[in-house]
Amino acid sequence: MEYRAVTKVTTKPGIKEEVPWSDSLTTYDKQHFTTYMRLLDAAADDASREEIAQGILGIDPVQEPERAQKAVRSHLDRANWMVTTGYKEVTTGYKELFAG
């Protein structure tokens, strides 16, 4: 009898289908900062949404295509917000941290 290895892709721990949205940094943002940067890097390299879903978010786009698309869109939107608006809070936080 021959056995084949089956790789099951599961969502990475703590990855939500939709990012909790706020006009300020959230705990989720702080926990997933590296994920956001990986998403932006992959998008800049023209990775497909399917590659991003599976490789970064850990969601199988074949088994769960709608969920994968929704999660990628949500996380990319938040990642873009982080680099256009959210970074201001990060830099302000650093100034306060190192002040006097």
C-alpha atoms as a PDB file:
ATOM      1  CA  MET A   1       0.000   0.000   0.000  1.00  0.00           C
ATOM      2  CA  GLU A   2       1.336   3.434  -0.935  1.00  0.00           C
ATOM      3  CA  TYR A   3       0.860   6.491   1.262  1.00  0.00           C
ATOM      4  CA  ARG A   4       0.913  10.073   0.133  1.00  0.00           C
ATOM      5  CA  ALA A   5       1.743  12.996   2.334  1.00  0.00           C
ATOM      6  CA  VAL A   6      -1.099  15.454   2.532  1.00  0.00           C
ATOM      7  CA  THR A   7      -0.323  19.008   3.475  1.00  0.00           C
ATOM      8  CA  LYS A   8      -3.170  20.778   5.169  1.00  0.00           C
ATOM      9  CA  VAL A   9      -2.991  24.548   5.164  1.00  0.00           C
ATOM     10  CA  THR A  10      -4.566  26.150   8.171  1.00  0.00           C
ATOM     11  CA  THR A  11      -5.056  29.767   9.015  1.00  0.00           C
ATOM     12  CA  LYS A  12      -2.065  31.155  10.839  1.00  0.00           C
ATOM     13  CA  PRO A  13      -2.758  31.716  14.528  1.00  0.00           C
ATOM     14  CA  GLY A  14      -4.511  34.966  15.229  1.00  0.00           C
ATOM     15  CA  ILE A  15      -5.303  35.833  11.599  1.00  0.00           C
ATOM     16  CA  LYS A  16      -8.862  37.107  11.307  1.00  0.00           C
ATOM     17  CA  GLU A  17     -10.963  37.031   8.174  1.00  0.00           C
ATOM     18  CA  GLU A  18     -11.465  40.777   8.474  1.00  0.00           C
ATOM     19  CA  VAL A  19      -9.100  43.177  10.170  1.00  0.00           C
ATOM     20  CA  PRO A  20     -10.668  45.085  13.065  1.00  0.00           C
ATOM     21  CA  TRP A  21     -10.868  48.620  11.670  1.00  0.00           C
ATOM     22  CA  SER A  22     -10.171  51.762  13.653  1.00  0.00           C
ATOM     23  CA  ASP A  23      -8.893  55.270  12.974  1.00  0.00           C
ATOM     24  CA  SER A  24      -6.000  54.525  15.304  1.00  0.00           C
ATOM     25  CA  LEU A  25      -3.596  51.635  15.801  1.00  0.00           C
ATOM     26  CA  THR A  26      -5.136  48.561  17.349  1.00  0.00           C
ATOM     27  CA  THR A  27      -3.678  45.688  19.303  1.00  0.00           C
ATOM     28  CA  TYR A  28      -4.303  43.564  16.189  1.00  0.00           C
ATOM     29  CA  ASP A  29      -2.203  46.014  14.122  1.00  0.00           C
ATOM     30  CA  LYS A  30       0.670  45.796  16.572  1.00  0.00           C
ATOM     31  CA  GLN A  31       0.490  41.997  16.644  1.00  0.00           C
ATOM     32  CA  HIS A  32       0.400  41.740  12.836  1.00  0.00           C
ATOM     33  CA  PHE A  33       2.777  44.500  11.792  1.00  0.00           C
ATOM     34  CA  THR A  34       5.169  41.966  10.233  1.00  0.00           C
ATOM     35  CA  THR A  35       2.263  40.336   8.383  1.00  0.00           C
ATOM     36  CA  TYR A  36       1.250  43.717   6.949  1.00  0.00           C
ATOM     37  CA  MET A  37       4.785  44.360   5.734  1.00  0.00           C
ATOM     38  CA  ARG A  38       4.982  40.896   4.157  1.00  0.00           C
ATOM     39  CA  LEU A  39       1.660  41.561   2.397  1.00  0.00           C
ATOM     40  CA  LEU A  40       2.885  44.857   0.973  1.00  0.00           C
ATOM     41  CA  ASP A  41       6.130  43.243  -0.151  1.00  0.00           C
ATOM     42  CA  ALA A  42       4.266  40.398  -1.856  1.00  0.00           C
ATOM     43  CA  ALA A  43       1.867  42.822  -3.545  1.00  0.00           C
ATOM     44  CA  ALA A  44       4.812  44.912  -4.786  1.00  0.00           C
ATOM     45  CA  ASP A  45       6.286  41.714  -6.247  1.00  0.00           C
ATOM     46  CA  ASP A  46       2.977  41.075  -8.079  1.00  0.00           C
ATOM     47  CA  ALA A  47       2.135  37.960  -6.072  1.00  0.00           C
ATOM     48  CA  SER A  48      -1.362  36.701  -6.798  1.00  0.00           C
ATOM     49  CA  ARG A  49      -4.075  37.007  -4.165  1.00  0.00           C
ATOM     50  CA  GLU A  50      -4.073  33.214  -3.972  1.00  0.00           C
ATOM     51  CA  GLU A  51      -0.328  33.131  -3.254  1.00  0.00           C
ATOM     52  CA  ILE A  52      -0.758  35.807  -0.602  1.00  0.00           C
ATOM     53  CA  ALA A  53      -3.693  34.024   1.027  1.00  0.00           C
ATOM     54  CA  GLN A  54      -1.888  30.714   1.259  1.00  0.00           C
ATOM     55  CA  GLY A  55       1.683  31.822   1.840  1.00  0.00           C
ATOM     56  CA  ILE A  56       1.164  34.691   4.266  1.00  0.00           C
ATOM     57  CA  LEU A  57      -2.290  34.335   5.795  1.00  0.00           C
ATOM     58  CA  GLY A  58      -2.358  30.535   5.801  1.00  0.00           C
ATOM     59  CA  ILE A  59      -5.769  30.293   4.120  1.00  0.00           C
ATOM     60  CA  ASP A  60      -6.218  27.733   1.346  1.00  0.00           C
ATOM     61  CA  PRO A  61      -7.698  29.676  -1.598  1.00  0.00           C
ATOM     62  CA  VAL A  62      -8.884  26.478  -3.290  1.00  0.00           C
ATOM     63  CA  GLN A  63     -10.813  25.212  -0.269  1.00  0.00           C
ATOM     64  CA  GLU A  64     -12.056  28.642   0.865  1.00  0.00           C
ATOM     65  CA  PRO A  65     -11.895  31.056  -2.095  1.00  0.00           C
ATOM     66  CA  GLU A  66     -14.310  33.677  -0.736  1.00  0.00           C
ATOM     67  CA  ARG A  67     -12.734  33.708   2.713  1.00  0.00           C
ATOM     68  CA  ALA A  68      -9.255  33.933   1.200  1.00  0.00           C
ATOM     69  CA  GLN A  69     -10.202  36.882  -1.025  1.00  0.00           C
ATOM     70  CA  LYS A  70     -11.940  38.677   1.835  1.00  0.00           C
ATOM     71  CA  ALA A  71      -8.989  38.207   4.199  1.00  0.00           C
ATOM     72  CA  VAL A  72      -6.405  39.306   1.633  1.00  0.00           C
ATOM     73  CA  ARG A  73      -8.422  42.402   0.712  1.00  0.00           C
ATOM     74  CA  SER A  74      -9.002  43.335   4.355  1.00  0.00           C
ATOM     75  CA  HIS A  75      -5.375  42.855   5.400  1.00  0.00           C
ATOM     76  CA  LEU A  76      -3.973  44.656   2.342  1.00  0.00           C
ATOM     77  CA  ASP A  77      -6.313  47.597   2.953  1.00  0.00           C
ATOM     78  CA  ARG A  78      -5.113  47.834   6.546  1.00  0.00           C
ATOM     79  CA  ALA A  79      -1.472  47.410   5.532  1.00  0.00           C
ATOM     80  CA  ASN A  80      -1.856  50.319   3.101  1.00  0.00           C
ATOM     81  CA  TRP A  81      -3.517  52.381   5.843  1.00  0.00           C
ATOM     82  CA  MET A  82      -0.552  51.617   8.110  1.00  0.00           C
ATOM     83  CA  VAL A  83       1.970  53.046   5.637  1.00  0.00           C
ATOM     84  CA  THR A  84      -0.107  56.078   4.655  1.00  0.00           C
ATOM     85  CA  THR A  85      -1.695  57.093   7.969  1.00  0.00           C
ATOM     86  CA  GLY A  86      -1.036  54.700  10.834  1.00  0.00           C
ATOM     87  CA  TYR A  87       2.718  55.213  10.789  1.00  0.00           C
ATOM     88  CA  LYS A  88       2.163  58.670  12.303  1.00  0.00           C
ATOM     89  CA  GLU A  89       1.001  57.042  15.525  1.00  0.00           C
ATOM     90  CA  VAL A  90       3.974  54.713  15.520  1.00  0.00           C
ATOM     91  CA  THR A  91       6.453  57.579  15.153  1.00  0.00           C
ATOM     92  CA  THR A  92       4.651  59.637  17.809  1.00  0.00           C
ATOM     93  CA  GLY A  93       4.835  56.677  20.161  1.00  0.00           C
ATOM     94  CA  TYR A  94       8.586  56.400  19.626  1.00  0.00           C
ATOM     95  CA  LYS A  95       9.068  60.109  20.351  1.00  0.00           C
ATOM     96  CA  GLU A  96       7.198  59.762  23.637  1.00  0.00           C
ATOM     97  CA  LEU A  97       9.101  56.613  24.501  1.00  0.00           C
ATOM     98  CA  PHE A  98      12.511  58.258  24.092  1.00  0.00           C
ATOM     99  CA  ALA A  99      11.619  61.745  25.379  1.00  0.00           C
ATOM    100  CA  GLY A 100      13.408  63.067  28.424  1.00  0.00           C
END
